[in-house]
Protein backbone atom coordinates (compact mmCIF):
# COMPACT_ATOMS: atom_id res chain seq x y z
CA MET A 1 -90.90 62.91 -16.59
CA ARG A 2 -89.97 61.73 -20.10
CA THR A 3 -86.47 63.03 -20.90
CA TYR A 4 -82.99 62.18 -19.68
CA GLY A 5 -82.29 65.89 -19.11
CA GLN A 6 -85.17 66.17 -16.64
CA LEU A 7 -83.94 63.05 -14.89
CA LEU A 8 -80.33 64.21 -14.54
CA ARG A 9 -81.48 67.56 -13.13
CA THR A 10 -83.26 65.80 -10.28
CA PRO A 11 -81.35 66.51 -7.02
CA GLU A 12 -79.24 63.59 -5.77
CA PHE A 13 -79.99 61.34 -8.76
CA THR A 14 -76.52 61.81 -10.28
CA PRO A 15 -74.53 60.73 -7.15
CA LEU A 16 -76.88 57.78 -6.63
CA PHE A 17 -76.39 56.83 -10.29
CA ALA A 18 -72.60 57.16 -9.98
CA ALA A 19 -72.44 55.08 -6.78
CA SER A 20 -74.66 52.37 -8.28
CA SER A 21 -72.48 52.31 -11.41
CA ALA A 22 -69.33 51.81 -9.30
CA HIS A 23 -71.08 48.94 -7.51
CA VAL A 24 -72.03 47.27 -10.80
CA ALA A 25 -68.50 47.67 -12.20
CA ALA A 26 -66.99 46.15 -9.06
CA SER A 27 -69.41 43.21 -8.93
CA THR A 28 -68.94 42.50 -12.66
CA VAL A 29 -65.16 42.32 -12.45
CA SER A 30 -65.17 40.38 -9.18
CA GLY A 31 -67.79 37.90 -10.44
CA LEU A 32 -65.78 37.01 -13.52
CA ALA A 33 -62.57 36.82 -11.49
CA LEU A 34 -64.20 34.50 -8.93
CA GLY A 35 -65.63 32.25 -11.64
CA VAL A 36 -62.23 31.91 -13.28
CA LEU A 37 -60.48 31.38 -9.93
CA VAL A 38 -62.85 28.66 -8.70
CA TYR A 39 -63.14 26.88 -12.06
CA GLY A 40 -59.35 26.84 -12.35
CA ALA A 41 -59.04 25.32 -8.89
CA THR A 42 -61.86 22.77 -9.12
CA ARG A 43 -62.77 22.23 -12.81
CA SER A 44 -66.37 22.01 -11.61
CA PRO A 45 -69.14 23.76 -13.59
CA LEU A 46 -71.34 23.68 -10.50
CA LEU A 47 -68.82 25.37 -8.22
CA ALA A 48 -67.86 27.91 -10.88
CA ALA A 49 -71.53 28.83 -11.35
CA LEU A 50 -72.13 29.03 -7.60
CA SER A 51 -69.06 31.23 -7.07
CA MET A 52 -70.53 33.81 -9.47
CA PHE A 53 -74.23 33.55 -8.57
CA GLY A 54 -74.38 31.46 -5.40
CA PRO A 55 -74.15 34.54 -3.12
CA SER A 56 -77.61 35.38 -4.40
CA LEU A 57 -78.91 32.40 -2.42
CA ALA A 58 -78.15 34.33 0.77
CA GLN A 59 -80.71 36.90 -0.36
CA VAL A 60 -83.50 34.64 0.88
CA ILE A 61 -82.16 35.01 4.42
CA GLY A 62 -82.03 38.77 4.08
CA ALA A 63 -85.52 38.85 2.60
CA THR A 64 -86.91 37.09 5.66
CA ALA A 65 -84.79 38.81 8.33
CA LEU A 66 -83.38 42.17 7.25
CA LEU A 67 -85.77 43.87 4.83
CA SER A 68 -87.69 45.83 7.44
CA ALA A 69 -84.50 47.92 7.77
CA ALA A 70 -84.77 49.10 4.14
CA ASP A 71 -87.29 51.81 5.08
CA ARG A 72 -86.07 52.26 8.68
CA LEU A 73 -82.41 53.24 8.14
CA PRO A 74 -81.06 56.58 6.85
CA PRO A 75 -80.26 55.77 3.20
CA ARG A 76 -76.88 57.51 3.01
CA ALA A 77 -75.45 55.79 6.09
CA ALA A 78 -76.80 52.38 5.06
CA LEU A 79 -75.49 52.52 1.50
CA THR A 80 -72.08 53.80 2.63
CA GLY A 81 -71.71 51.02 5.18
CA ILE A 82 -72.74 48.32 2.70
CA ALA A 83 -70.16 49.56 0.16
CA VAL A 84 -67.40 49.50 2.79
CA VAL A 85 -68.30 45.92 3.77
CA PHE A 86 -68.17 44.84 0.12
CA GLY A 87 -64.79 46.51 -0.36
CA LEU A 88 -63.26 44.80 2.64
CA GLY A 89 -64.86 41.43 1.86
CA THR A 90 -63.62 41.47 -1.74
CA ALA A 91 -60.12 42.29 -0.53
CA VAL A 92 -60.29 39.17 1.68
CA LEU A 93 -61.27 37.07 -1.38
CA ALA A 94 -58.02 38.16 -3.03
CA ALA A 95 -55.92 36.73 -0.20
CA PRO A 96 -53.51 34.01 -1.45
CA GLY A 97 -54.17 30.57 -0.05
CA LEU A 98 -57.83 31.19 0.79
CA PRO A 99 -59.49 27.75 0.43
CA VAL A 100 -62.56 27.25 -1.73
CA TRP A 101 -64.81 26.84 1.33
CA GLY A 102 -63.43 30.16 2.63
CA VAL A 103 -64.29 31.83 -0.69
CA PHE A 104 -67.88 30.61 -0.42
CA ALA A 105 -68.16 31.68 3.22
CA VAL A 106 -67.15 35.24 2.32
CA VAL A 107 -69.32 35.55 -0.78
CA LEU A 108 -72.38 34.19 1.02
CA GLY A 109 -71.83 36.74 3.77
CA LEU A 110 -71.65 39.49 1.15
CA GLY A 111 -74.83 38.17 -0.42
CA LEU A 112 -76.59 38.51 2.93
CA VAL A 113 -75.49 42.14 3.24
CA SER A 114 -76.51 42.79 -0.36
CA SER A 115 -80.11 41.79 0.39
CA LEU A 116 -80.49 45.00 2.38
CA GLY A 117 -78.73 47.18 -0.21
CA GLY A 118 -81.31 46.63 -2.95
CA GLY A 119 -84.20 47.77 -0.81
CA VAL A 120 -82.36 50.86 0.43
CA ARG A 121 -81.07 51.89 -3.02
CA TRP A 122 -84.29 51.39 -4.99
CA GLY A 123 -86.44 52.78 -2.22
CA LEU A 124 -84.29 55.93 -2.29
CA LEU A 125 -84.65 56.13 -6.08
CA ASN A 126 -88.44 55.91 -5.69
CA GLU A 127 -88.24 58.69 -3.09
CA LEU A 128 -86.09 60.98 -5.28
CA LEU A 129 -88.28 60.66 -8.38
CA PRO A 130 -91.98 61.28 -8.97
CA ARG A 131 -94.02 58.18 -9.76
CA SER A 132 -94.12 59.17 -13.42
CA GLY A 133 -90.32 59.19 -13.50
CA TYR A 134 -89.57 55.84 -11.83
CA LEU A 135 -89.54 53.74 -15.00
CA LEU A 136 -87.26 56.20 -16.81
CA GLY A 137 -84.95 56.44 -13.78
CA ARG A 138 -84.76 52.69 -13.32
CA SER A 139 -84.20 52.17 -17.03
CA VAL A 140 -81.22 54.56 -16.90
CA MET A 141 -79.85 52.66 -13.91
CA ASN A 142 -80.30 49.42 -15.86
CA MET A 143 -78.65 50.98 -18.91
CA SER A 144 -75.60 51.71 -16.77
CA VAL A 145 -75.63 48.06 -15.74
CA GLY A 146 -75.58 47.03 -19.41
CA ILE A 147 -72.82 49.43 -20.39
CA LEU A 148 -70.69 48.66 -17.34
CA GLN A 149 -71.13 44.93 -17.74
CA ILE A 150 -70.02 45.17 -21.36
CA CYS A 151 -66.97 47.15 -20.27
CA GLY A 152 -66.58 45.28 -17.00
CA PHE A 153 -66.50 41.80 -18.47
CA ALA A 154 -64.11 42.96 -21.17
CA ALA A 155 -61.93 44.76 -18.62
CA GLY A 156 -62.28 41.85 -16.23
CA GLY A 157 -60.90 39.47 -18.84
CA VAL A 158 -57.98 41.81 -19.45
CA LEU A 159 -57.37 42.25 -15.71
CA VAL A 160 -57.47 38.50 -15.08
CA ALA A 161 -54.97 37.96 -17.89
CA ALA A 162 -52.69 40.84 -16.86
CA LEU A 163 -52.94 40.78 -13.06
CA SER A 164 -54.40 37.32 -12.31
CA ALA A 165 -57.84 36.69 -10.80
CA ARG A 166 -56.67 37.90 -7.40
CA GLY A 167 -55.37 41.15 -8.88
CA ALA A 168 -58.77 41.72 -10.52
CA LEU A 169 -60.44 41.18 -7.14
CA LEU A 170 -58.27 43.91 -5.61
CA VAL A 171 -59.37 46.30 -8.37
CA SER A 172 -62.98 45.42 -7.51
CA ALA A 173 -62.34 46.15 -3.84
CA ALA A 174 -61.05 49.62 -4.76
CA LEU A 175 -64.20 50.25 -6.82
CA TYR A 176 -66.42 49.35 -3.88
CA LEU A 177 -64.56 51.81 -1.66
CA THR A 178 -64.97 54.46 -4.36
CA GLU A 179 -68.70 53.78 -4.23
CA ALA A 180 -68.63 54.33 -0.47
CA ALA A 181 -66.95 57.72 -0.89
CA VAL A 182 -69.41 58.88 -3.58
CA THR A 183 -72.36 57.82 -1.44
CA ARG A 184 -71.06 59.48 1.71
CA TYR A 185 -70.22 62.82 0.14
CA GLY A 186 -72.71 62.95 -2.74
CA LEU A 187 -76.04 62.07 -1.12
CA GLY A 188 -77.96 64.20 1.36
CA ASP A 189 -78.51 63.07 4.92
CA ARG A 190 -82.14 62.03 4.55
CA PRO A 191 -84.05 60.51 7.45
CA ALA A 192 -85.48 57.02 7.32
CA ARG A 193 -88.78 56.75 5.44
CA VAL A 194 -90.50 54.93 8.31
CA THR A 195 -90.04 55.29 12.06
CA GLY A 196 -89.52 52.34 14.38
CA ARG A 197 -86.88 49.69 14.85
CA PRO A 198 -86.24 47.07 12.20
CA SER A 199 -86.82 43.51 13.30
CA VAL A 200 -87.29 40.02 11.94
CA ALA A 201 -90.93 40.08 13.06
CA GLU A 202 -91.61 43.35 11.23
CA THR A 203 -89.93 41.95 8.12
CA TRP A 204 -92.22 38.92 8.21
CA ARG A 205 -95.34 41.07 8.76
CA THR A 206 -94.59 43.35 5.81
CA ASN A 207 -93.61 40.44 3.57
CA ALA A 208 -96.92 38.77 4.41
CA ARG A 209 -98.83 41.97 3.63
CA LEU A 210 -97.09 42.36 0.27
CA TRP A 211 -97.56 38.70 -0.63
CA SER A 212 -101.24 38.64 0.42
CA SER A 213 -102.25 40.68 -2.64
CA ILE A 214 -102.89 38.31 -5.55
CA PRO A 215 -101.94 40.89 -8.25
CA ARG A 216 -98.66 41.66 -6.44
CA ARG A 217 -98.00 37.96 -6.02
CA TYR A 218 -98.17 37.34 -9.76
CA VAL A 219 -95.92 40.33 -10.40
CA TYR A 220 -93.32 39.04 -7.94
CA LEU A 221 -93.34 35.55 -9.45
CA ALA A 222 -92.93 36.99 -12.95
CA LEU A 223 -90.04 39.16 -11.73
CA TRP A 224 -88.28 36.31 -10.00
CA VAL A 225 -88.68 32.97 -11.77
CA PRO A 226 -88.25 33.39 -15.57
CA ASN A 227 -85.32 35.76 -14.97
CA GLY A 228 -83.65 33.44 -12.47
CA LEU A 229 -83.85 30.41 -14.74
CA ILE A 230 -82.17 32.27 -17.61
CA VAL A 231 -79.43 33.49 -15.29
CA GLY A 232 -78.91 29.78 -14.61
CA SER A 233 -78.08 29.40 -18.30
CA GLU A 234 -75.74 32.42 -18.13
CA SER A 235 -73.96 30.93 -15.10
CA LEU A 236 -72.65 28.18 -17.42
CA PHE A 237 -70.90 30.57 -19.83
CA VAL A 238 -67.53 29.94 -18.16
CA SER A 239 -67.98 26.18 -18.46
CA TYR A 240 -69.33 26.44 -22.04
CA ALA A 241 -66.46 28.57 -23.35
CA PRO A 242 -63.77 29.24 -20.70
CA GLU A 243 -61.73 31.45 -23.03
CA ARG A 244 -64.70 33.34 -24.50
CA ALA A 245 -67.00 33.68 -21.48
CA GLY A 246 -66.26 37.40 -21.23
CA LEU A 247 -67.58 37.85 -24.78
CA LEU A 248 -70.84 36.05 -24.00
CA PHE A 249 -71.37 38.11 -20.84
CA ALA A 250 -70.62 41.28 -22.79
CA VAL A 251 -73.13 40.58 -25.58
CA ALA A 252 -75.72 39.66 -22.93
CA ALA A 253 -75.16 43.06 -21.34
CA ALA A 254 -75.44 44.74 -24.75
CA GLY A 255 -78.79 43.09 -25.40
CA MET A 256 -80.04 44.12 -21.97
CA LEU A 257 -78.91 47.69 -22.64
CA ALA A 258 -80.80 47.79 -25.95
CA GLY A 259 -83.97 46.52 -24.30
CA ASP A 260 -83.79 49.05 -21.48
CA VAL A 261 -83.27 51.97 -23.87
CA LEU A 262 -86.19 50.85 -26.03
CA VAL A 263 -88.67 50.25 -23.22
CA GLY A 264 -87.54 52.97 -20.84
CA ARG A 265 -87.41 55.82 -23.34
CA PHE A 266 -89.36 55.04 -26.50
CA VAL A 267 -92.25 52.64 -25.79
CA PRO A 268 -95.51 54.60 -25.22
CA ALA A 269 -97.38 53.98 -21.99
CA GLY A 270 -100.28 52.40 -23.87
CA TRP A 271 -98.06 49.66 -25.26
CA ARG A 272 -96.35 48.68 -22.03
CA GLY A 273 -99.04 46.33 -20.78
CA ARG A 274 -98.92 44.35 -24.03
CA LEU A 275 -95.16 43.82 -24.15
CA GLY A 276 -94.53 42.07 -20.82
CA ALA A 277 -95.23 38.46 -21.86
CA PRO A 278 -93.55 38.71 -25.30
CA LEU A 279 -90.42 40.13 -23.69
CA ARG A 280 -90.31 37.37 -21.07
CA LEU A 281 -90.63 34.78 -23.85
CA LEU A 282 -87.90 36.53 -25.82
CA LEU A 283 -85.68 36.23 -22.75
CA ALA A 284 -85.83 32.42 -22.94
CA VAL A 285 -86.61 31.17 -26.44
CA PRO A 286 -83.23 31.98 -28.10
CA TYR A 287 -81.43 29.87 -25.48
CA LEU A 288 -83.15 26.76 -26.83
CA VAL A 289 -80.58 26.84 -29.65
CA PHE A 290 -77.94 25.63 -27.19
CA ALA A 291 -79.52 22.15 -27.43
CA LEU A 292 -77.85 22.03 -30.88
CA LYS A 293 -74.38 22.87 -29.47
CA PRO A 294 -73.92 25.99 -31.61
CA GLY A 295 -70.63 27.62 -32.44
CA MET A 296 -69.59 30.91 -30.89
CA PRO A 297 -71.13 33.27 -33.51
CA VAL A 298 -74.60 31.67 -33.21
CA ALA A 299 -74.31 31.40 -29.43
CA ALA A 300 -73.38 35.07 -29.08
CA ALA A 301 -76.23 36.17 -31.37
CA ALA A 302 -78.75 34.09 -29.38
CA VAL A 303 -77.53 35.48 -26.06
CA ALA A 304 -77.67 39.08 -27.29
CA LEU A 305 -81.19 38.69 -28.69
CA ALA A 306 -82.48 36.94 -25.57
CA SER A 307 -81.12 39.60 -23.24
CA VAL A 308 -83.35 42.27 -24.78
CA GLY A 309 -86.11 40.41 -22.90
CA TYR A 310 -84.72 41.53 -19.53
CA ALA A 311 -86.57 44.82 -20.18
CA ALA A 312 -89.74 43.00 -19.09
CA SER A 313 -88.63 43.59 -15.50
CA LEU A 314 -88.95 47.37 -15.98
CA LEU A 315 -92.61 47.02 -16.87
CA LEU A 316 -93.22 44.69 -13.94
CA GLN A 317 -91.48 47.02 -11.49
CA GLU A 318 -93.64 49.92 -12.66
CA ARG A 319 -96.70 47.76 -12.10
CA LEU A 320 -95.43 46.74 -8.65
CA MET A 321 -95.06 50.39 -7.61
CA ALA A 322 -98.59 51.13 -8.79
CA LEU A 323 -99.85 48.31 -6.53
CA THR A 324 -97.80 49.29 -3.45
CA PRO A 325 -98.31 52.06 -0.83
CA GLU A 326 -95.55 54.69 -0.78
CA GLU A 327 -94.42 53.89 2.77
CA MET A 328 -93.73 50.27 1.78
CA SER A 329 -91.88 51.07 -1.45
CA GLY A 330 -88.37 50.34 -0.16
CA HIS A 331 -89.44 47.04 1.39
CA ALA A 332 -91.42 46.06 -1.73
CA LEU A 333 -88.49 46.80 -4.06
CA GLY A 334 -86.09 45.10 -1.65
CA LEU A 335 -88.28 41.99 -1.70
CA HIS A 336 -88.25 42.12 -5.50
CA SER A 337 -84.45 42.48 -5.56
CA SER A 338 -83.82 39.78 -2.95
CA GLY A 339 -86.27 37.35 -4.50
CA MET A 340 -84.83 37.92 -7.96
CA LEU A 341 -81.27 37.39 -6.81
CA THR A 342 -82.28 34.35 -4.75
CA MET A 343 -83.90 32.80 -7.81
CA GLN A 344 -80.78 33.62 -9.81
CA GLY A 345 -78.77 31.65 -7.25
CA VAL A 346 -81.28 28.81 -7.41
CA GLY A 347 -81.12 28.92 -11.20
CA ALA A 348 -77.31 28.79 -11.14
CA ALA A 349 -77.32 25.86 -8.72
CA LEU A 350 -79.92 23.95 -10.71
CA ALA A 351 -78.13 24.61 -14.00
CA GLY A 352 -74.84 23.49 -12.49
CA VAL A 353 -76.35 20.22 -11.20
CA VAL A 354 -77.96 19.47 -14.58
CA ALA A 355 -74.68 20.27 -16.36
CA GLN A 356 -72.80 17.89 -14.07
CA VAL A 357 -75.27 15.07 -14.88
CA THR A 358 -75.82 15.78 -18.60
CA SER A 359 -73.85 18.45 -20.43
CA VAL A 360 -73.43 22.22 -20.31
CA THR A 361 -75.43 22.87 -23.52
CA THR A 362 -78.24 20.52 -22.47
CA ALA A 363 -78.50 22.31 -19.14
CA MET A 364 -78.66 25.74 -20.79
CA ALA A 365 -81.48 24.63 -23.11
CA MET A 366 -83.41 22.96 -20.29
CA MET A 367 -83.33 26.13 -18.17
CA ALA A 368 -84.72 28.08 -21.14
CA ALA A 369 -87.54 25.57 -21.61
CA LEU A 370 -88.47 25.87 -17.93
CA SER A 371 -88.49 29.65 -18.22
CA VAL A 372 -90.90 29.49 -21.17
CA ALA A 373 -93.19 27.15 -19.25
CA VAL A 374 -93.29 29.46 -16.21
CA THR A 375 -94.02 32.53 -18.35
CA LEU A 376 -96.94 30.77 -20.02
CA ALA A 377 -98.27 29.58 -16.67
CA LEU A 378 -98.24 33.11 -15.21
CA ALA A 379 -99.79 34.80 -18.24
CA GLY A 380 -103.41 34.50 -17.06
CA GLY A 381 -102.77 36.04 -13.65
CA LEU A 382 -100.87 38.98 -15.12
CA ARG A 383 -103.46 39.70 -17.80
CA SER A 384 -106.12 40.78 -15.30
């Protein structure tokens, strides 16, 4: 499968794509609104970063307790229920007078629920498409993320200005409920991929089996750590330029979109194995310019260029699927998603702490330097 037309003609891909797009739009608007709301209340770079990316820390709990359900629940029912929970939880975040600790309690709960959603969604995508079509399908899903984040951060800034942060959160809640409706009425009622009851013990057993393979282990580390450290730099955009953070997030999304189009549609299969490490280095190196405290034009150009490097995750996901049995695909992709989001939360927390002690620009450059170091350290294990 090499064309977008073939992909869009695949049964059930279009409703899954539409539901995922609604989810991305909702999370983009709500993330910016929360960052603005918490930074306005606390003036803390750490708390602002954690409000946007801290929920990802709850993914580690889901990865160790819930992931066995990713292949053991009917996908339509699971995705519909998760979207409803997100809609209701985001509506609670918009409640006037909700204290900051209450905000974090809700968003961490939503992060826990989200840890299951990644495994169900990407496992279903792997089920809908042939193996030869997974990279193209995932690249299109990622392209929608880029486009919707560009639009979402721009729209989020407008909504925050016009309706307030709480008004933007209510718009996000409506988008989540729209996702629930599309999922319920657009997807078929497929059975679970694996029989049996989900449990914490089964989650641990499958995690151990996936992690026991040295090639898979290197792939997981490369998917999680360099990406998470750079998201730590991104989590400081609000603190770096409170009035222009939406612009920086938008150009980051544009760069990610460009990378996904290039790698997902135009890079020949023979070149893919050679591009992984250069793309992961590209993801980090431009952020080193923040050590010089650049102005907005240089900062935006660096962010856009660096974000092309996110396309490295497409190549690594394709490699992960080649190393994983079909019946474990949902769990394997859920572990990738949960681990990636957990490391993004860790990266945001670490960047916030460094920014509190030093400065925002120093923290952004330090996270980039760490990402480069990790990419170089993993290169040998991924080359084999």
